[in-house]
Amino acid sequence: MSTQPLRIIFMGTPAFAATTLQALIDGPDEVVAVITQPDRAKGRGKKLTPPPTKVVAEEAGIPVLQPTKIKTEEFRNGLLTYHPDLFVVAAYGRILPTSILDLAPMGCINVHGSLLPKYRGAAPIQRAIINRDKEVGVTIIQMNEGMDTGDILLKSSLKPTADETSGSLFIKLAQLGCEALVKAVKGLKEGTLIPVAQEHEQATNAPMFTKDDGCINWQKDAGELEGLIRGLDPWPSAFCFLDGKRLRLFSPEVVHKDSEHAPGVIIQADKRGILIACGNNCLLIRQIQPEGKKRMPVESFLCGCKLPSGTQLM
């Protein structure tokens, strides 16, 4: 059992990882360096924007490395100068080579946003919402060269709400991941954690989405479409087309009723939302984002635009 503070190198990029990083900074151990992706151009103005983890690290005065290549001897030797005891990884965005995984005496652990072996990959939270899972969670694993295939150290779960989106669940699982990570690091120091191999035959994949994945097929069941809309909220968002222009859809609710209208046809539109016929049952949409505009309640949209019954959404 070690009582000395661990020297930790953290590797992560998005807001989910930034929350985890902050928990480590606030804990008893020392984060000696943060590895993250390079700054990216974002928004309409293509302004160069740092990853959230870089912002957190710099505020804490922690050195930040943003390598474009990680499989070089130069990068590995640079990491050695920090004399790490442990690597902690959360949504870094790259598969680490053995040369890095074996660098620290205590190895490398990963915070993953699903109950592994379910949803290995970059988009586990979105997949859980799309599939309307009744239980979701986080897993702390010992990393190997595979994609989220390492032995399990710890799991923690919660039940999503009926109106959960990937955005709201993201926040909850980030906090849950922090708590699980703190327990896992403590357990590693105390030698109380027993790694358990994943049931690999039960594994499912959760690859990253593209913008086109959000295209609505109105022939599908309303419940399936509700899951898709919530799962892709806020990004990349589900959409259809109205008069040839993209219309993003949010805040859906299944309405259990049959309709004589064809799938994709607007049954009615009022301050409550847009009621749309689907392959089975109907879908009420409360918020939309017209092309080139901000997200808004349907009621606000209807103040300047009419959507008569019978309008076809594509």
Protein backbone atom coordinates (compact mmCIF):
# COMPACT_ATOMS: atom_id res chain seq x y z
CA MET A 1 0.00 0.00 0.00
CA SER A 2 1.43 3.36 -1.06
CA THR A 3 0.81 6.53 0.93
CA GLN A 4 2.86 8.78 -1.35
CA PRO A 5 1.03 10.98 -3.88
CA LEU A 6 1.06 9.43 -7.34
CA ARG A 7 2.58 11.25 -10.29
CA ILE A 8 -0.15 11.09 -12.93
CA ILE A 9 -0.05 11.93 -16.62
CA PHE A 10 -3.58 12.64 -17.86
CA MET A 11 -4.66 12.12 -21.47
CA GLY A 12 -8.02 13.47 -22.63
CA THR A 13 -9.67 16.05 -24.85
CA PRO A 14 -13.42 16.99 -24.57
CA ALA A 15 -15.52 18.39 -21.72
CA PHE A 16 -16.18 14.88 -20.38
CA ALA A 17 -12.42 14.49 -19.91
CA ALA A 18 -12.04 17.99 -18.47
CA THR A 19 -14.43 17.14 -15.64
CA THR A 20 -12.38 14.03 -14.88
CA LEU A 21 -9.14 16.00 -15.00
CA GLN A 22 -10.48 18.54 -12.52
CA ALA A 23 -11.35 15.73 -10.09
CA LEU A 24 -7.76 14.48 -10.25
CA ILE A 25 -6.37 17.98 -9.74
CA ASP A 26 -8.59 18.39 -6.68
CA GLY A 27 -7.49 15.01 -5.28
CA PRO A 28 -4.47 13.93 -3.23
CA ASP A 29 -2.27 12.98 -6.17
CA GLU A 30 -0.23 15.14 -8.55
CA VAL A 31 -1.10 15.62 -12.21
CA VAL A 32 2.33 16.29 -13.68
CA ALA A 33 1.31 16.70 -17.34
CA VAL A 34 -1.76 16.74 -19.59
CA ILE A 35 -1.73 15.29 -23.10
CA THR A 36 -4.53 16.43 -25.40
CA GLN A 37 -5.40 16.90 -29.06
CA PRO A 38 -4.16 19.98 -30.97
CA ASP A 39 -6.29 23.13 -31.01
CA ARG A 40 -9.02 22.98 -33.69
CA ALA A 41 -10.78 25.59 -35.81
CA LYS A 42 -14.42 25.83 -34.71
CA GLY A 43 -17.54 27.84 -35.46
CA ARG A 44 -18.46 29.93 -38.45
CA GLY A 45 -15.39 32.09 -37.98
CA LYS A 46 -13.14 29.01 -37.79
CA LYS A 47 -11.48 30.39 -34.67
CA LEU A 48 -8.70 28.21 -33.29
CA THR A 49 -10.10 26.75 -30.06
CA PRO A 50 -8.21 24.82 -27.36
CA PRO A 51 -9.59 21.52 -26.02
CA PRO A 52 -11.44 21.85 -22.67
CA THR A 53 -8.74 19.80 -20.95
CA LYS A 54 -6.07 22.25 -22.06
CA VAL A 55 -8.03 25.12 -20.51
CA VAL A 56 -8.37 23.28 -17.19
CA ALA A 57 -4.69 22.28 -17.17
CA GLU A 58 -3.40 25.76 -17.91
CA GLU A 59 -5.60 27.26 -15.19
CA ALA A 60 -3.96 24.83 -12.77
CA GLY A 61 -0.45 25.55 -14.07
CA ILE A 62 0.04 22.02 -15.42
CA PRO A 63 2.23 21.47 -18.51
CA VAL A 64 0.22 20.66 -21.66
CA LEU A 65 1.45 18.59 -24.61
CA GLN A 66 -0.49 18.49 -27.90
CA PRO A 67 1.38 16.04 -30.14
CA THR A 68 0.27 15.36 -33.70
CA LYS A 69 2.09 12.00 -33.54
CA ILE A 70 2.30 9.80 -30.45
CA LYS A 71 4.16 6.75 -31.76
CA THR A 72 7.56 8.42 -31.88
CA GLU A 73 10.56 7.77 -29.69
CA GLU A 74 10.86 11.51 -29.09
CA PHE A 75 7.34 11.71 -27.62
CA ARG A 76 7.87 8.64 -25.44
CA ASN A 77 11.16 9.98 -24.10
CA GLY A 78 9.48 13.29 -23.36
CA LEU A 79 6.87 11.52 -21.23
CA LEU A 80 9.61 9.73 -19.29
CA THR A 81 10.98 13.06 -18.08
CA TYR A 82 7.82 13.46 -15.95
CA HIS A 83 8.54 10.16 -14.11
CA PRO A 84 4.87 9.09 -14.10
CA ASP A 85 3.50 6.40 -11.77
CA LEU A 86 0.20 6.14 -13.63
CA PHE A 87 -1.52 7.25 -16.83
CA VAL A 88 -5.20 8.19 -16.70
CA VAL A 89 -7.07 8.40 -20.02
CA ALA A 90 -10.54 9.82 -20.67
CA ALA A 91 -11.78 10.33 -24.24
CA TYR A 92 -8.34 11.15 -25.62
CA GLY A 93 -9.35 10.19 -29.14
CA ARG A 94 -6.45 7.95 -30.10
CA ILE A 95 -5.48 4.33 -29.47
CA LEU A 96 -2.27 4.26 -27.44
CA PRO A 97 0.65 2.04 -28.48
CA THR A 98 2.25 -0.47 -26.10
CA SER A 99 5.30 1.79 -25.84
CA ILE A 100 3.13 4.27 -23.90
CA LEU A 101 0.84 1.80 -22.13
CA ASP A 102 3.86 0.12 -20.53
CA LEU A 103 5.68 3.32 -19.65
CA ALA A 104 4.33 3.91 -16.12
CA PRO A 105 4.87 1.34 -13.31
CA MET A 106 1.14 1.25 -12.47
CA GLY A 107 0.09 1.15 -16.10
CA CYS A 108 -2.68 3.06 -17.77
CA ILE A 109 -6.35 3.26 -16.78
CA ASN A 110 -9.27 4.57 -18.80
CA VAL A 111 -12.59 6.19 -17.91
CA HIS A 112 -15.19 5.03 -20.45
CA GLY A 113 -18.76 6.34 -20.71
CA SER A 114 -20.57 3.00 -20.85
CA LEU A 115 -21.02 -0.26 -18.99
CA LEU A 116 -18.40 -2.26 -20.88
CA PRO A 117 -18.28 -4.43 -22.89
CA LYS A 118 -21.35 -2.60 -24.20
CA TYR A 119 -20.64 0.36 -26.50
CA ARG A 120 -16.92 0.23 -27.12
CA GLY A 121 -15.84 3.26 -29.11
CA ALA A 122 -16.18 7.02 -29.37
CA ALA A 123 -19.95 7.54 -28.97
CA PRO A 124 -21.24 5.34 -26.13
CA ILE A 125 -23.49 7.97 -24.55
CA GLN A 126 -25.34 8.75 -27.78
CA ARG A 127 -25.84 5.04 -28.50
CA ALA A 128 -27.31 4.42 -25.05
CA ILE A 129 -29.93 7.14 -25.54
CA ILE A 130 -30.72 6.11 -29.11
CA ASN A 131 -31.31 2.54 -27.94
CA ARG A 132 -33.38 3.79 -24.99
CA ASP A 133 -31.31 1.84 -22.45
CA LYS A 134 -32.81 1.58 -18.97
CA GLU A 135 -29.40 1.52 -17.29
CA VAL A 136 -26.25 3.41 -18.26
CA GLY A 137 -22.94 4.08 -16.57
CA VAL A 138 -19.16 4.31 -16.64
CA THR A 139 -16.37 1.76 -16.50
CA ILE A 140 -12.78 2.11 -15.32
CA ILE A 141 -10.50 -0.30 -17.17
CA GLN A 142 -6.84 -1.19 -17.40
CA MET A 143 -5.88 -0.21 -20.91
CA ASN A 144 -4.42 -2.44 -23.58
CA GLU A 145 -3.87 -1.84 -27.29
CA GLY A 146 -7.48 -2.69 -28.18
CA MET A 147 -10.46 -0.34 -28.42
CA ASP A 148 -11.86 -0.34 -24.86
CA THR A 149 -11.03 -4.04 -24.43
CA GLY A 150 -9.00 -3.93 -21.19
CA ASP A 151 -9.80 -5.63 -17.89
CA ILE A 152 -12.47 -3.98 -15.74
CA LEU A 153 -11.45 -2.39 -12.44
CA LEU A 154 -14.72 -0.73 -11.47
CA LYS A 155 -18.22 0.03 -12.77
CA SER A 156 -20.83 2.56 -11.68
CA SER A 157 -24.34 2.95 -13.10
CA LEU A 158 -27.48 5.10 -13.05
CA LYS A 159 -30.93 5.12 -14.64
CA PRO A 160 -31.57 7.82 -17.27
CA THR A 161 -34.73 9.90 -17.12
CA ALA A 162 -37.50 9.51 -19.70
CA ASP A 163 -36.57 12.81 -21.38
CA GLU A 164 -32.78 12.30 -21.22
CA THR A 165 -30.65 13.58 -24.08
CA SER A 166 -27.05 12.70 -24.77
CA GLY A 167 -26.19 16.23 -23.63
CA SER A 168 -27.84 15.88 -20.22
CA LEU A 169 -26.55 12.32 -19.75
CA PHE A 170 -23.07 13.47 -20.71
CA ILE A 171 -23.05 15.78 -17.67
CA LYS A 172 -24.31 13.07 -15.32
CA LEU A 173 -21.84 10.46 -16.53
CA ALA A 174 -18.94 12.92 -16.36
CA GLN A 175 -19.66 13.36 -12.65
CA LEU A 176 -20.19 9.62 -12.16
CA GLY A 177 -16.91 8.99 -13.95
CA CYS A 178 -15.08 11.37 -11.62
CA GLU A 179 -16.37 9.56 -8.57
CA ALA A 180 -15.51 6.16 -10.04
CA LEU A 181 -12.02 7.29 -11.03
CA VAL A 182 -11.23 8.62 -7.56
CA LYS A 183 -12.27 5.25 -6.10
CA ALA A 184 -10.23 3.37 -8.69
CA VAL A 185 -7.03 5.36 -8.12
CA LYS A 186 -7.43 4.91 -4.36
CA GLY A 187 -7.98 1.18 -4.87
CA LEU A 188 -4.88 0.90 -7.05
CA LYS A 189 -2.77 2.62 -4.40
CA GLU A 190 -4.17 0.33 -1.69
CA GLY A 191 -3.95 -2.80 -3.83
CA THR A 192 -7.62 -3.65 -3.29
CA LEU A 193 -8.82 -3.75 -6.92
CA ILE A 194 -9.02 -7.06 -8.76
CA PRO A 195 -9.08 -6.72 -12.56
CA VAL A 196 -11.84 -8.74 -14.25
CA ALA A 197 -11.68 -9.68 -17.92
CA GLN A 198 -14.50 -8.39 -20.11
CA GLU A 199 -17.00 -10.80 -21.64
CA HIS A 200 -15.76 -10.07 -25.13
CA GLU A 201 -18.50 -12.10 -26.83
CA GLN A 202 -21.03 -9.62 -25.38
CA ALA A 203 -19.26 -6.56 -26.84
CA THR A 204 -21.02 -3.99 -29.00
CA ASN A 205 -19.50 -1.03 -30.83
CA ALA A 206 -20.30 2.68 -30.65
CA PRO A 207 -18.45 4.43 -33.50
CA MET A 208 -18.48 8.19 -33.89
CA PHE A 209 -21.46 9.70 -35.68
CA THR A 210 -21.41 11.84 -38.80
CA LYS A 211 -23.80 14.69 -39.55
CA ASP A 212 -25.64 12.53 -42.08
CA ASP A 213 -26.49 9.94 -39.41
CA GLY A 214 -29.14 12.31 -38.08
CA CYS A 215 -31.32 12.16 -41.19
CA ILE A 216 -34.86 11.16 -40.17
CA ASN A 217 -36.67 8.30 -41.89
CA TRP A 218 -40.34 8.92 -41.14
CA GLN A 219 -41.22 5.34 -42.07
CA LYS A 220 -39.78 4.21 -38.74
CA ASP A 221 -41.60 3.81 -35.43
CA ALA A 222 -42.10 7.03 -33.45
CA GLY A 223 -40.34 5.54 -30.42
CA GLU A 224 -37.26 4.74 -32.48
CA LEU A 225 -37.20 8.27 -33.86
CA GLU A 226 -37.60 9.74 -30.39
CA GLY A 227 -34.49 7.84 -29.30
CA LEU A 228 -32.55 9.07 -32.31
CA ILE A 229 -33.52 12.71 -31.75
CA ARG A 230 -32.63 12.60 -28.05
CA GLY A 231 -29.45 10.64 -28.67
CA LEU A 232 -28.13 13.14 -31.21
CA ASP A 233 -29.02 16.20 -29.09
CA PRO A 234 -26.99 18.43 -29.10
CA TRP A 235 -24.64 16.92 -31.73
CA PRO A 236 -24.81 16.14 -34.58
CA SER A 237 -28.61 16.53 -34.14
CA ALA A 238 -31.43 14.80 -36.01
CA PHE A 239 -32.95 16.57 -39.00
CA CYS A 240 -35.43 16.43 -41.85
CA PHE A 241 -36.16 18.77 -44.75
CA LEU A 242 -38.92 21.36 -45.05
CA ASP A 243 -39.26 22.98 -48.49
CA GLY A 244 -35.77 21.77 -49.36
CA LYS A 245 -34.12 23.31 -46.28
CA ARG A 246 -32.69 21.41 -43.34
CA LEU A 247 -34.79 21.47 -40.18
CA ARG A 248 -33.20 20.18 -36.98
CA LEU A 249 -35.52 18.52 -34.48
CA PHE A 250 -35.39 18.50 -30.67
CA SER A 251 -37.50 17.75 -27.61
CA PRO A 252 -39.60 14.88 -29.03
CA GLU A 253 -42.49 13.00 -27.44
CA VAL A 254 -44.19 9.86 -28.70
CA VAL A 255 -47.94 10.22 -29.15
CA HIS A 256 -49.61 6.82 -29.19
CA LYS A 257 -52.23 7.23 -31.86
CA ASP A 258 -52.86 5.99 -35.37
CA SER A 259 -52.97 8.46 -38.22
CA GLU A 260 -54.47 8.42 -41.68
CA HIS A 261 -51.62 10.67 -42.83
CA ALA A 262 -48.57 9.27 -44.61
CA PRO A 263 -45.29 9.12 -42.64
CA GLY A 264 -43.62 12.53 -42.45
CA VAL A 265 -46.84 14.49 -42.91
CA ILE A 266 -47.65 17.23 -40.38
CA ILE A 267 -50.96 16.46 -38.67
CA GLN A 268 -51.09 19.75 -36.84
CA ALA A 269 -48.78 22.51 -35.63
CA ASP A 270 -49.59 24.79 -32.70
CA LYS A 271 -47.98 26.20 -29.56
CA ARG A 272 -47.61 22.69 -28.12
CA GLY A 273 -45.43 21.59 -31.04
CA ILE A 274 -45.53 19.89 -34.43
CA LEU A 275 -47.39 16.58 -34.53
CA ILE A 276 -45.98 14.35 -37.27
CA ALA A 277 -47.17 11.00 -38.58
CA CYS A 278 -44.62 8.17 -38.44
CA GLY A 279 -44.52 4.58 -39.63
CA ASN A 280 -46.10 3.64 -36.31
CA ASN A 281 -47.66 6.17 -33.91
CA CYS A 282 -46.89 9.90 -34.08
CA LEU A 283 -44.18 12.23 -32.87
CA LEU A 284 -44.64 15.62 -31.22
CA ILE A 285 -41.67 17.97 -31.75
CA ARG A 286 -41.44 20.90 -29.31
CA GLN A 287 -38.21 22.55 -30.45
CA ILE A 288 -36.65 23.05 -33.87
CA GLN A 289 -33.72 24.79 -35.52
CA PRO A 290 -34.40 26.07 -39.03
CA GLU A 291 -31.45 26.25 -41.40
CA GLY A 292 -29.29 29.30 -40.65
CA LYS A 293 -31.12 30.10 -37.39
CA LYS A 294 -30.90 29.31 -33.70
CA ARG A 295 -32.72 26.58 -31.84
CA MET A 296 -36.18 27.74 -30.77
CA PRO A 297 -39.55 26.57 -29.43
CA VAL A 298 -42.02 25.62 -32.16
CA GLU A 299 -44.35 28.31 -30.81
CA SER A 300 -41.75 30.98 -31.67
CA PHE A 301 -41.25 29.58 -35.16
CA LEU A 302 -44.97 29.61 -35.85
CA CYS A 303 -45.13 33.35 -35.13
CA GLY A 304 -43.47 33.98 -38.47
CA CYS A 305 -44.12 30.81 -40.44
CA LYS A 306 -47.22 28.70 -40.95
CA LEU A 307 -47.14 24.91 -41.08
CA PRO A 308 -50.54 23.79 -42.34
CA SER A 309 -51.85 20.28 -41.81
CA GLY A 310 -50.78 18.05 -44.67
CA THR A 311 -47.32 19.62 -45.10
CA GLN A 312 -44.82 16.90 -46.05
CA LEU A 313 -41.49 16.70 -44.25
CA MET A 314 -38.76 14.85 -46.12
